[in-house]
PDB file of N, CA and C in Angstrom:
ATOM      1  N   UNK A   1     -28.724 -29.188  -0.534  1.00  0.00           N
ATOM      2  CA  UNK A   1     -28.000 -29.548  -1.693  1.00  0.00           C
ATOM      3  C   UNK A   1     -27.884 -28.244  -2.578  1.00  0.00           C
ATOM      4  N   UNK A   2     -29.068 -27.468  -2.344  1.00  0.00           N
ATOM      5  CA  UNK A   2     -29.017 -26.144  -3.343  1.00  0.00           C
ATOM      6  C   UNK A   2     -27.747 -25.159  -3.136  1.00  0.00           C
ATOM      7  N   UNK A   3     -27.477 -25.249  -1.592  1.00  0.00           N
ATOM      8  CA  UNK A   3     -26.514 -24.463  -1.281  1.00  0.00           C
ATOM      9  C   UNK A   3     -24.984 -25.157  -1.751  1.00  0.00           C
ATOM     10  N   UNK A   4     -24.879 -25.951  -1.700  1.00  0.00           N
ATOM     11  CA  UNK A   4     -23.504 -27.120  -2.569  1.00  0.00           C
ATOM     12  C   UNK A   4     -23.490 -26.955  -3.788  1.00  0.00           C
ATOM     13  N   UNK A   5     -24.205 -27.006  -4.909  1.00  0.00           N
ATOM     14  CA  UNK A   5     -24.217 -26.881  -6.110  1.00  0.00           C
ATOM     15  C   UNK A   5     -23.163 -25.985  -6.555  1.00  0.00           C
ATOM     16  N   UNK A   6     -23.293 -24.731  -6.220  1.00  0.00           N
ATOM     17  CA  UNK A   6     -22.308 -23.649  -6.816  1.00  0.00           C
ATOM     18  C   UNK A   6     -20.747 -24.298  -6.113  1.00  0.00           C
ATOM     19  N   UNK A   7     -20.822 -24.503  -4.836  1.00  0.00           N
ATOM     20  CA  UNK A   7     -19.550 -25.005  -4.325  1.00  0.00           C
ATOM     21  C   UNK A   7     -19.025 -26.228  -5.223  1.00  0.00           C
ATOM     22  N   UNK A   8     -19.881 -27.045  -5.404  1.00  0.00           N
ATOM     23  CA  UNK A   8     -19.083 -28.259  -6.285  1.00  0.00           C
ATOM     24  C   UNK A   8     -18.867 -27.867  -7.929  1.00  0.00           C
ATOM     25  N   UNK A   9     -19.575 -27.092  -8.353  1.00  0.00           N
ATOM     26  CA  UNK A   9     -19.169 -26.452  -9.504  1.00  0.00           C
ATOM     27  C   UNK A   9     -17.861 -25.818  -9.723  1.00  0.00           C
ATOM     28  N   UNK A  10     -17.493 -25.131  -8.676  1.00  0.00           N
ATOM     29  CA  UNK A  10     -16.330 -24.645  -8.349  1.00  0.00           C
ATOM     30  C   UNK A  10     -15.272 -25.680  -8.310  1.00  0.00           C
ATOM     31  N   UNK A  11     -15.472 -26.635  -7.512  1.00  0.00           N
ATOM     32  CA  UNK A  11     -14.379 -27.695  -7.359  1.00  0.00           C
ATOM     33  C   UNK A  11     -14.399 -28.580  -8.850  1.00  0.00           C
ATOM     34  N   UNK A  12     -15.384 -28.724  -9.262  1.00  0.00           N
ATOM     35  CA  UNK A  12     -15.392 -29.216 -10.673  1.00  0.00           C
ATOM     36  C   UNK A  12     -14.345 -28.923 -11.670  1.00  0.00           C
ATOM     37  N   UNK A  13     -14.471 -27.334 -11.603  1.00  0.00           N
ATOM     38  CA  UNK A  13     -13.929 -26.655 -12.579  1.00  0.00           C
ATOM     39  C   UNK A  13     -12.281 -26.657 -12.145  1.00  0.00           C
ATOM     40  N   UNK A  14     -12.120 -27.192 -11.035  1.00  0.00           N
ATOM     41  CA  UNK A  14     -10.359 -27.330 -10.737  1.00  0.00           C
ATOM     42  C   UNK A  14     -10.022 -28.820 -11.085  1.00  0.00           C
ATOM     43  N   UNK A  15     -11.062 -29.718 -10.659  1.00  0.00           N
ATOM     44  CA  UNK A  15     -10.696 -31.005 -10.550  1.00  0.00           C
ATOM     45  C   UNK A  15     -11.184 -31.764 -11.813  1.00  0.00           C
ATOM     46  N   UNK A  16     -12.015 -31.108 -12.519  1.00  0.00           N
ATOM     47  CA  UNK A  16     -12.667 -32.072 -13.220  1.00  0.00           C
ATOM     48  C   UNK A  16     -11.707 -32.889 -14.293  1.00  0.00           C
ATOM     49  N   UNK A  17     -10.812 -32.305 -14.879  1.00  0.00           N
ATOM     50  CA  UNK A  17      -9.790 -33.152 -15.607  1.00  0.00           C
ATOM     51  C   UNK A  17      -9.525 -34.355 -14.773  1.00  0.00           C
ATOM     52  N   UNK A  18      -9.303 -34.286 -13.527  1.00  0.00           N
ATOM     53  CA  UNK A  18      -8.807 -35.595 -12.957  1.00  0.00           C
ATOM     54  C   UNK A  18      -9.851 -36.388 -11.957  1.00  0.00           C
ATOM     55  N   UNK A  19     -10.674 -35.875 -11.653  1.00  0.00           N
ATOM     56  CA  UNK A  19     -11.595 -36.468 -10.872  1.00  0.00           C
ATOM     57  C   UNK A  19     -13.131 -36.200 -11.558  1.00  0.00           C
ATOM     58  N   UNK A  20     -13.902 -37.474 -11.483  1.00  0.00           N
ATOM     59  CA  UNK A  20     -15.187 -37.493 -12.167  1.00  0.00           C
ATOM     60  C   UNK A  20     -16.399 -37.169 -10.982  1.00  0.00           C
ATOM     61  N   UNK A  21     -16.797 -35.871 -11.513  1.00  0.00           N
ATOM     62  CA  UNK A  21     -17.983 -35.742 -10.490  1.00  0.00           C
ATOM     63  C   UNK A  21     -19.259 -36.037 -11.239  1.00  0.00           C
ATOM     64  N   UNK A  22     -20.328 -36.598 -10.199  1.00  0.00           N
ATOM     65  CA  UNK A  22     -21.568 -37.176 -10.640  1.00  0.00           C
ATOM     66  C   UNK A  22     -22.578 -36.716  -9.747  1.00  0.00           C
ATOM     67  N   UNK A  23     -23.633 -35.974 -10.178  1.00  0.00           N
ATOM     68  CA  UNK A  23     -24.868 -35.697  -9.374  1.00  0.00           C
ATOM     69  C   UNK A  23     -25.849 -36.554  -9.334  1.00  0.00           C
ATOM     70  N   UNK A  24     -26.557 -37.013  -8.381  1.00  0.00           N
ATOM     71  CA  UNK A  24     -27.444 -37.868  -8.393  1.00  0.00           C
ATOM     72  C   UNK A  24     -28.897 -37.375  -7.619  1.00  0.00           C
ATOM     73  N   UNK A  25     -29.876 -37.330  -8.353  1.00  0.00           N
ATOM     74  CA  UNK A  25     -31.053 -36.485  -7.715  1.00  0.00           C
ATOM     75  C   UNK A  25     -32.253 -37.452  -7.888  1.00  0.00           C
ATOM     76  N   UNK A  26     -33.068 -37.650  -6.574  1.00  0.00           N
ATOM     77  CA  UNK A  26     -34.007 -38.702  -6.209  1.00  0.00           C
ATOM     78  C   UNK A  26     -35.170 -38.031  -6.122  1.00  0.00           C
ATOM     79  N   UNK A  27     -35.340 -36.896  -6.355  1.00  0.00           N
ATOM     80  CA  UNK A  27     -36.690 -35.926  -6.256  1.00  0.00           C
ATOM     81  C   UNK A  27     -37.189 -35.123  -7.385  1.00  0.00           C
ATOM     82  N   UNK A  28     -36.574 -34.507  -8.050  1.00  0.00           N
ATOM     83  CA  UNK A  28     -36.800 -33.604  -9.177  1.00  0.00           C
ATOM     84  C   UNK A  28     -37.275 -34.306 -10.306  1.00  0.00           C
ATOM     85  N   UNK A  29     -37.974 -33.905 -11.233  1.00  0.00           N
ATOM     86  CA  UNK A  29     -37.942 -34.185 -12.717  1.00  0.00           C
ATOM     87  C   UNK A  29     -36.534 -34.129 -13.294  1.00  0.00           C
ATOM     88  N   UNK A  30     -36.525 -34.757 -14.545  1.00  0.00           N
ATOM     89  CA  UNK A  30     -35.119 -34.361 -15.220  1.00  0.00           C
ATOM     90  C   UNK A  30     -34.878 -32.843 -15.631  1.00  0.00           C
ATOM     91  N   UNK A  31     -36.129 -32.238 -16.242  1.00  0.00           N
ATOM     92  CA  UNK A  31     -36.124 -30.797 -16.783  1.00  0.00           C
ATOM     93  C   UNK A  31     -35.585 -29.869 -15.210  1.00  0.00           C
ATOM     94  N   UNK A  32     -36.671 -30.114 -14.276  1.00  0.00           N
ATOM     95  CA  UNK A  32     -36.175 -29.437 -13.275  1.00  0.00           C
ATOM     96  C   UNK A  32     -34.842 -29.638 -12.749  1.00  0.00           C
ATOM     97  N   UNK A  33     -34.474 -30.711 -12.494  1.00  0.00           N
ATOM     98  CA  UNK A  33     -33.034 -31.159 -11.868  1.00  0.00           C
ATOM     99  C   UNK A  33     -31.972 -30.535 -13.019  1.00  0.00           C
ATOM    100  N   UNK A  34     -32.254 -30.511 -14.374  1.00  0.00           N
ATOM    101  CA  UNK A  34     -31.347 -29.786 -15.237  1.00  0.00           C
ATOM    102  C   UNK A  34     -31.086 -28.347 -15.177  1.00  0.00           C
ATOM    103  N   UNK A  35     -32.533 -27.747 -15.097  1.00  0.00           N
ATOM    104  CA  UNK A  35     -32.471 -26.212 -14.896  1.00  0.00           C
ATOM    105  C   UNK A  35     -31.926 -25.758 -13.614  1.00  0.00           C
ATOM    106  N   UNK A  36     -32.451 -26.496 -12.691  1.00  0.00           N
ATOM    107  CA  UNK A  36     -31.564 -26.064 -11.092  1.00  0.00           C
ATOM    108  C   UNK A  36     -30.121 -26.164 -11.379  1.00  0.00           C
ATOM    109  N   UNK A  37     -29.584 -27.381 -11.740  1.00  0.00           N
ATOM    110  CA  UNK A  37     -28.257 -27.654 -11.619  1.00  0.00           C
ATOM    111  C   UNK A  37     -27.386 -26.337 -12.784  1.00  0.00           C
ATOM    112  N   UNK A  38     -28.120 -26.080 -13.951  1.00  0.00           N
ATOM    113  CA  UNK A  38     -27.700 -24.985 -14.926  1.00  0.00           C
ATOM    114  C   UNK A  38     -27.658 -23.645 -14.275  1.00  0.00           C
ATOM    115  N   UNK A  39     -28.789 -23.298 -13.522  1.00  0.00           N
ATOM    116  CA  UNK A  39     -28.752 -22.121 -12.758  1.00  0.00           C
ATOM    117  C   UNK A  39     -27.505 -22.034 -11.751  1.00  0.00           C
ATOM    118  N   UNK A  40     -26.917 -22.978 -11.273  1.00  0.00           N
ATOM    119  CA  UNK A  40     -25.775 -22.817 -10.272  1.00  0.00           C
ATOM    120  C   UNK A  40     -24.511 -23.289 -10.812  1.00  0.00           C
ATOM    121  N   UNK A  41     -24.620 -23.152 -12.214  1.00  0.00           N
ATOM    122  CA  UNK A  41     -23.232 -23.539 -12.755  1.00  0.00           C
ATOM    123  C   UNK A  41     -22.702 -24.915 -13.089  1.00  0.00           C
ATOM    124  N   UNK A  42     -23.700 -25.800 -12.386  1.00  0.00           N
ATOM    125  CA  UNK A  42     -23.039 -27.169 -12.624  1.00  0.00           C
ATOM    126  C   UNK A  42     -22.953 -27.712 -14.045  1.00  0.00           C
ATOM    127  N   UNK A  43     -21.941 -28.272 -14.515  1.00  0.00           N
ATOM    128  CA  UNK A  43     -21.654 -28.823 -15.769  1.00  0.00           C
ATOM    129  C   UNK A  43     -21.395 -30.333 -15.654  1.00  0.00           C
ATOM    130  N   UNK A  44     -21.024 -30.715 -14.791  1.00  0.00           N
ATOM    131  CA  UNK A  44     -20.917 -32.068 -14.418  1.00  0.00           C
ATOM    132  C   UNK A  44     -22.243 -33.195 -14.617  1.00  0.00           C
ATOM    133  N   UNK A  45     -22.106 -34.489 -14.782  1.00  0.00           N
ATOM    134  CA  UNK A  45     -22.872 -35.166 -15.175  1.00  0.00           C
ATOM    135  C   UNK A  45     -23.884 -35.263 -14.302  1.00  0.00           C
ATOM    136  N   UNK A  46     -25.323 -35.219 -14.286  1.00  0.00           N
ATOM    137  CA  UNK A  46     -26.320 -35.501 -13.573  1.00  0.00           C
ATOM    138  C   UNK A  46     -27.258 -36.648 -13.650  1.00  0.00           C
ATOM    139  N   UNK A  47     -27.604 -37.420 -12.825  1.00  0.00           N
ATOM    140  CA  UNK A  47     -28.749 -38.638 -12.944  1.00  0.00           C
ATOM    141  C   UNK A  47     -29.914 -38.622 -12.192  1.00  0.00           C
ATOM    142  N   UNK A  48     -30.642 -39.232 -12.453  1.00  0.00           N
ATOM    143  CA  UNK A  48     -31.880 -39.394 -11.754  1.00  0.00           C
ATOM    144  C   UNK A  48     -32.037 -40.787 -11.317  1.00  0.00           C
ATOM    145  N   UNK A  49     -32.307 -40.867 -10.025  1.00  0.00           N
ATOM    146  CA  UNK A  49     -32.235 -42.252  -9.328  1.00  0.00           C
ATOM    147  C   UNK A  49     -34.026 -42.274  -8.988  1.00  0.00           C
ATOM    148  N   UNK A  50     -34.691 -42.595  -9.790  1.00  0.00           N
ATOM    149  CA  UNK A  50     -36.283 -42.602  -9.625  1.00  0.00           C
ATOM    150  C   UNK A  50     -36.687 -43.429  -8.506  1.00  0.00           C
ATOM    151  N   UNK A  51     -36.280 -44.568  -8.767  1.00  0.00           N
ATOM    152  CA  UNK A  51     -36.768 -45.710  -7.603  1.00  0.00           C
ATOM    153  C   UNK A  51     -35.638 -45.690  -6.269  1.00  0.00           C
ATOM    154  N   UNK A  52     -34.816 -44.722  -6.084  1.00  0.00           N
ATOM    155  CA  UNK A  52     -33.873 -44.285  -4.822  1.00  0.00           C
ATOM    156  C   UNK A  52     -32.839 -45.623  -4.721  1.00  0.00           C
ATOM    157  N   UNK A  53     -32.642 -46.339  -5.785  1.00  0.00           N
ATOM    158  CA  UNK A  53     -31.915 -47.611  -5.655  1.00  0.00           C
ATOM    159  C   UNK A  53     -30.352 -47.245  -5.166  1.00  0.00           C
ATOM    160  N   UNK A  54     -29.819 -46.199  -5.836  1.00  0.00           N
ATOM    161  CA  UNK A  54     -28.738 -45.752  -4.899  1.00  0.00           C
ATOM    162  C   UNK A  54     -28.573 -45.410  -3.312  1.00  0.00           C
ATOM    163  N   UNK A  55     -29.607 -44.591  -3.261  1.00  0.00           N
ATOM    164  CA  UNK A  55     -29.918 -43.976  -2.029  1.00  0.00           C
ATOM    165  C   UNK A  55     -29.940 -45.384  -0.995  1.00  0.00           C
ATOM    166  N   UNK A  56     -30.870 -46.450  -1.341  1.00  0.00           N
ATOM    167  CA  UNK A  56     -30.903 -47.688  -0.729  1.00  0.00           C
ATOM    168  C   UNK A  56     -29.831 -48.158  -0.791  1.00  0.00           C
ATOM    169  N   UNK A  57     -29.009 -48.486  -1.593  1.00  0.00           N
ATOM    170  CA  UNK A  57     -27.898 -49.239  -1.563  1.00  0.00           C
ATOM    171  C   UNK A  57     -26.637 -48.740  -0.561  1.00  0.00           C
ATOM    172  N   UNK A  58     -26.561 -47.304  -0.565  1.00  0.00           N
ATOM    173  CA  UNK A  58     -25.646 -47.020   0.293  1.00  0.00           C
ATOM    174  C   UNK A  58     -26.084 -46.687   1.707  1.00  0.00           C
ATOM    175  N   UNK A  59     -27.486 -46.852   1.832  1.00  0.00           N
ATOM    176  CA  UNK A  59     -28.173 -46.733   3.254  1.00  0.00           C
ATOM    177  C   UNK A  59     -28.099 -45.216   3.665  1.00  0.00           C
ATOM    178  N   UNK A  60     -28.582 -44.294   2.640  1.00  0.00           N
ATOM    179  CA  UNK A  60     -28.443 -42.743   3.011  1.00  0.00           C
ATOM    180  C   UNK A  60     -29.825 -42.724   3.842  1.00  0.00           C
ATOM    181  N   UNK A  61     -29.529 -41.645   5.203  1.00  0.00           N
ATOM    182  CA  UNK A  61     -30.507 -41.508   5.575  1.00  0.00           C
ATOM    183  C   UNK A  61     -30.583 -39.841   5.745  1.00  0.00           C
ATOM    184  N   UNK A  62     -29.538 -39.321   5.544  1.00  0.00           N
ATOM    185  CA  UNK A  62     -29.489 -37.904   5.548  1.00  0.00           C
ATOM    186  C   UNK A  62     -29.065 -37.135   4.076  1.00  0.00           C
ATOM    187  N   UNK A  63     -29.447 -35.966   3.829  1.00  0.00           N
ATOM    188  CA  UNK A  63     -28.942 -35.499   2.450  1.00  0.00           C
ATOM    189  C   UNK A  63     -28.789 -34.111   2.980  1.00  0.00           C
ATOM    190  N   UNK A  64     -27.536 -33.409   2.305  1.00  0.00           N
ATOM    191  CA  UNK A  64     -27.074 -33.863   0.957  1.00  0.00           C
ATOM    192  C   UNK A  64     -25.994 -35.088   1.562  1.00  0.00           C
ATOM    193  N   UNK A  65     -25.440 -35.719   0.521  1.00  0.00           N
ATOM    194  CA  UNK A  65     -24.515 -36.939   0.682  1.00  0.00           C
ATOM    195  C   UNK A  65     -23.555 -36.811   0.011  1.00  0.00           C
ATOM    196  N   UNK A  66     -22.304 -36.653   0.083  1.00  0.00           N
ATOM    197  CA  UNK A  66     -21.185 -36.843  -0.838  1.00  0.00           C
ATOM    198  C   UNK A  66     -20.356 -38.145  -0.721  1.00  0.00           C
ATOM    199  N   UNK A  67     -20.243 -38.881  -1.576  1.00  0.00           N
ATOM    200  CA  UNK A  67     -19.476 -39.812  -1.637  1.00  0.00           C
ATOM    201  C   UNK A  67     -18.125 -39.654  -2.436  1.00  0.00           C
ATOM    202  N   UNK A  68     -17.225 -40.237  -1.902  1.00  0.00           N
ATOM    203  CA  UNK A  68     -15.788 -40.313  -2.394  1.00  0.00           C
ATOM    204  C   UNK A  68     -15.612 -41.712  -2.818  1.00  0.00           C
ATOM    205  N   UNK A  69     -15.194 -41.828  -4.321  1.00  0.00           N
ATOM    206  CA  UNK A  69     -15.351 -43.435  -4.618  1.00  0.00           C
ATOM    207  C   UNK A  69     -14.194 -43.484  -5.665  1.00  0.00           C
ATOM    208  N   UNK A  70     -13.474 -44.771  -5.485  1.00  0.00           N
ATOM    209  CA  UNK A  70     -12.163 -44.907  -6.270  1.00  0.00           C
ATOM    210  C   UNK A  70     -12.737 -45.435  -7.730  1.00  0.00           C
ATOM    211  N   UNK A  71     -11.756 -45.374  -8.639  1.00  0.00           N
ATOM    212  CA  UNK A  71     -12.230 -45.848 -10.005  1.00  0.00           C
ATOM    213  C   UNK A  71     -12.738 -47.137 -10.044  1.00  0.00           C
ATOM    214  N   UNK A  72     -12.452 -48.067  -9.111  1.00  0.00           N
ATOM    215  CA  UNK A  72     -13.121 -49.248  -9.335  1.00  0.00           C
ATOM    216  C   UNK A  72     -14.500 -49.457  -8.668  1.00  0.00           C
ATOM    217  N   UNK A  73     -14.943 -48.307  -8.067  1.00  0.00           N
ATOM    218  CA  UNK A  73     -16.605 -48.208  -7.409  1.00  0.00           C
ATOM    219  C   UNK A  73     -16.396 -48.448  -6.032  1.00  0.00           C
ATOM    220  N   UNK A  74     -15.338 -48.450  -5.399  1.00  0.00           N
ATOM    221  CA  UNK A  74     -15.306 -48.572  -3.836  1.00  0.00           C
ATOM    222  C   UNK A  74     -15.632 -47.244  -3.473  1.00  0.00           C
ATOM    223  N   UNK A  75     -16.568 -47.245  -2.411  1.00  0.00           N
ATOM    224  CA  UNK A  75     -16.490 -45.858  -1.743  1.00  0.00           C
ATOM    225  C   UNK A  75     -15.738 -46.144  -0.257  1.00  0.00           C
ATOM    226  N   UNK A  76     -14.857 -44.920  -0.460  1.00  0.00           N
ATOM    227  CA  UNK A  76     -13.862 -44.822   0.545  1.00  0.00           C
ATOM    228  C   UNK A  76     -14.069 -43.770   1.423  1.00  0.00           C
ATOM    229  N   UNK A  77     -15.024 -43.084   1.217  1.00  0.00           N
ATOM    230  CA  UNK A  77     -15.463 -42.042   2.470  1.00  0.00           C
ATOM    231  C   UNK A  77     -16.703 -41.385   2.018  1.00  0.00           C
ATOM    232  N   UNK A  78     -17.653 -40.905   2.916  1.00  0.00           N
ATOM    233  CA  UNK A  78     -18.667 -40.246   2.701  1.00  0.00           C
ATOM    234  C   UNK A  78     -18.937 -39.029   3.862  1.00  0.00           C
ATOM    235  N   UNK A  79     -19.531 -38.249   3.469  1.00  0.00           N
ATOM    236  CA  UNK A  79     -19.594 -36.944   4.252  1.00  0.00           C
ATOM    237  C   UNK A  79     -21.072 -36.191   3.969  1.00  0.00           C
ATOM    238  N   UNK A  80     -21.359 -35.400   4.618  1.00  0.00           N
ATOM    239  CA  UNK A  80     -22.714 -34.644   4.735  1.00  0.00           C
ATOM    240  C   UNK A  80     -22.402 -33.292   3.874  1.00  0.00           C
ATOM    241  N   UNK A  81     -22.743 -32.268   4.457  1.00  0.00           N
ATOM    242  CA  UNK A  81     -22.449 -30.787   3.881  1.00  0.00           C
ATOM    243  C   UNK A  81     -20.991 -30.691   3.549  1.00  0.00           C
ATOM    244  N   UNK A  82     -20.481 -30.111   2.551  1.00  0.00           N
ATOM    245  CA  UNK A  82     -19.075 -29.831   2.315  1.00  0.00           C
ATOM    246  C   UNK A  82     -19.092 -28.566   1.543  1.00  0.00           C
ATOM    247  N   UNK A  83     -18.333 -27.734   1.851  1.00  0.00           N
ATOM    248  CA  UNK A  83     -18.327 -26.398   0.905  1.00  0.00           C
ATOM    249  C   UNK A  83     -16.917 -26.659  -0.053  1.00  0.00           C
ATOM    250  N   UNK A  84     -16.698 -25.903  -1.037  1.00  0.00           N
ATOM    251  CA  UNK A  84     -15.652 -25.852  -1.871  1.00  0.00           C
ATOM    252  C   UNK A  84     -14.256 -26.157  -1.241  1.00  0.00           C
ATOM    253  N   UNK A  85     -13.893 -25.331  -0.272  1.00  0.00           N
ATOM    254  CA  UNK A  85     -12.869 -25.528   0.304  1.00  0.00           C
ATOM    255  C   UNK A  85     -12.452 -27.062   1.072  1.00  0.00           C
ATOM    256  N   UNK A  86     -13.684 -27.356   1.780  1.00  0.00           N
ATOM    257  CA  UNK A  86     -13.311 -28.840   2.192  1.00  0.00           C
ATOM    258  C   UNK A  86     -13.467 -29.777   1.182  1.00  0.00           C
ATOM    259  N   UNK A  87     -14.229 -29.549   0.045  1.00  0.00           N
ATOM    260  CA  UNK A  87     -13.931 -30.718  -1.039  1.00  0.00           C
ATOM    261  C   UNK A  87     -12.747 -30.630  -1.545  1.00  0.00           C
ATOM    262  N   UNK A  88     -12.248 -29.316  -1.909  1.00  0.00           N
ATOM    263  CA  UNK A  88     -10.932 -29.157  -2.387  1.00  0.00           C
ATOM    264  C   UNK A  88      -9.700 -30.022  -1.484  1.00  0.00           C
ATOM    265  N   UNK A  89      -9.709 -29.902  -0.032  1.00  0.00           N
ATOM    266  CA  UNK A  89      -8.933 -30.524   0.774  1.00  0.00           C
ATOM    267  C   UNK A  89      -8.998 -31.920   0.691  1.00  0.00           C
ATOM    268  N   UNK A  90     -10.236 -32.307   0.721  1.00  0.00           N
ATOM    269  CA  UNK A  90     -10.537 -33.836   0.637  1.00  0.00           C
ATOM    270  C   UNK A  90      -9.839 -34.407  -0.588  1.00  0.00           C
ATOM    271  N   UNK A  91     -10.165 -33.871  -1.506  1.00  0.00           N
ATOM    272  CA  UNK A  91      -9.600 -34.300  -3.045  1.00  0.00           C
ATOM    273  C   UNK A  91      -8.119 -34.651  -2.973  1.00  0.00           C
ATOM    274  N   UNK A  92      -7.579 -33.463  -2.376  1.00  0.00           N
ATOM    275  CA  UNK A  92      -6.114 -33.350  -2.487  1.00  0.00           C
ATOM    276  C   UNK A  92      -5.516 -34.344  -1.508  1.00  0.00           C
ATOM    277  N   UNK A  93      -6.261 -34.430  -0.560  1.00  0.00           N
ATOM    278  CA  UNK A  93      -5.648 -35.536   0.600  1.00  0.00           C
ATOM    279  C   UNK A  93      -5.747 -36.830  -0.073  1.00  0.00           C
ATOM    280  N   UNK A  94      -6.765 -37.160  -0.824  1.00  0.00           N
ATOM    281  CA  UNK A  94      -7.199 -38.511  -1.307  1.00  0.00           C
ATOM    282  C   UNK A  94      -6.271 -38.849  -2.627  1.00  0.00           C
ATOM    283  N   UNK A  95      -6.061 -37.782  -3.383  1.00  0.00           N
ATOM    284  CA  UNK A  95      -5.259 -37.937  -4.641  1.00  0.00           C
ATOM    285  C   UNK A  95      -3.692 -38.032  -4.162  1.00  0.00           C
ATOM    286  N   UNK A  96      -3.414 -37.556  -3.043  1.00  0.00           N
ATOM    287  CA  UNK A  96      -1.969 -37.430  -2.412  1.00  0.00           C
ATOM    288  C   UNK A  96      -1.854 -39.051  -1.973  1.00  0.00           C
ATOM    289  N   UNK A  97      -2.794 -39.670  -1.770  1.00  0.00           N
ATOM    290  CA  UNK A  97      -2.691 -41.210  -1.253  1.00  0.00           C
ATOM    291  C   UNK A  97      -3.123 -42.200  -2.435  1.00  0.00           C
ATOM    292  N   UNK A  98      -3.330 -41.553  -3.611  1.00  0.00           N
ATOM    293  CA  UNK A  98      -3.600 -42.012  -4.647  1.00  0.00           C
ATOM    294  C   UNK A  98      -4.684 -42.990  -4.632  1.00  0.00           C
ATOM    295  N   UNK A  99      -5.866 -42.889  -4.020  1.00  0.00           N
ATOM    296  CA  UNK A  99      -6.905 -43.411  -3.713  1.00  0.00           C
ATOM    297  C   UNK A  99      -8.075 -42.897  -4.709  1.00  0.00           C
ATOM    298  N   UNK A 100      -8.174 -41.657  -5.080  1.00  0.00           N
ATOM    299  CA  UNK A 100      -8.801 -41.152  -5.868  1.00  0.00           C
ATOM    300  C   UNK A 100      -8.674 -40.373  -7.178  1.00  0.00           C
ATOM    301  N   UNK A 101      -9.265 -41.331  -8.233  1.00  0.00           N
ATOM    302  CA  UNK A 101      -8.739 -40.841  -9.682  1.00  0.00           C
ATOM    303  C   UNK A 101     -10.028 -40.629 -10.410  1.00  0.00           C
TER     304      UNK A 101
END
């Protein structure tokens, strides 16, 4: 995930007005998570999943994981490692299909 954070920060800068980015951390304390994200240029929302409830709900087995979610909360796709270009392409494709807002 560390390698992806700067990539997500870039994509957030491009799409943040149209697409909501949220980071979820199940491992680090809040201060560590915040410092780690800040050092990598992340300005979008970060949440702690202390009890791994989200991880369990989506049945995640590998990390990192990226979920693409509609405004009504439906998960329409998920992927593992993705760079800024792949994320940009995915967002553009989903926006063209009007599935991601």
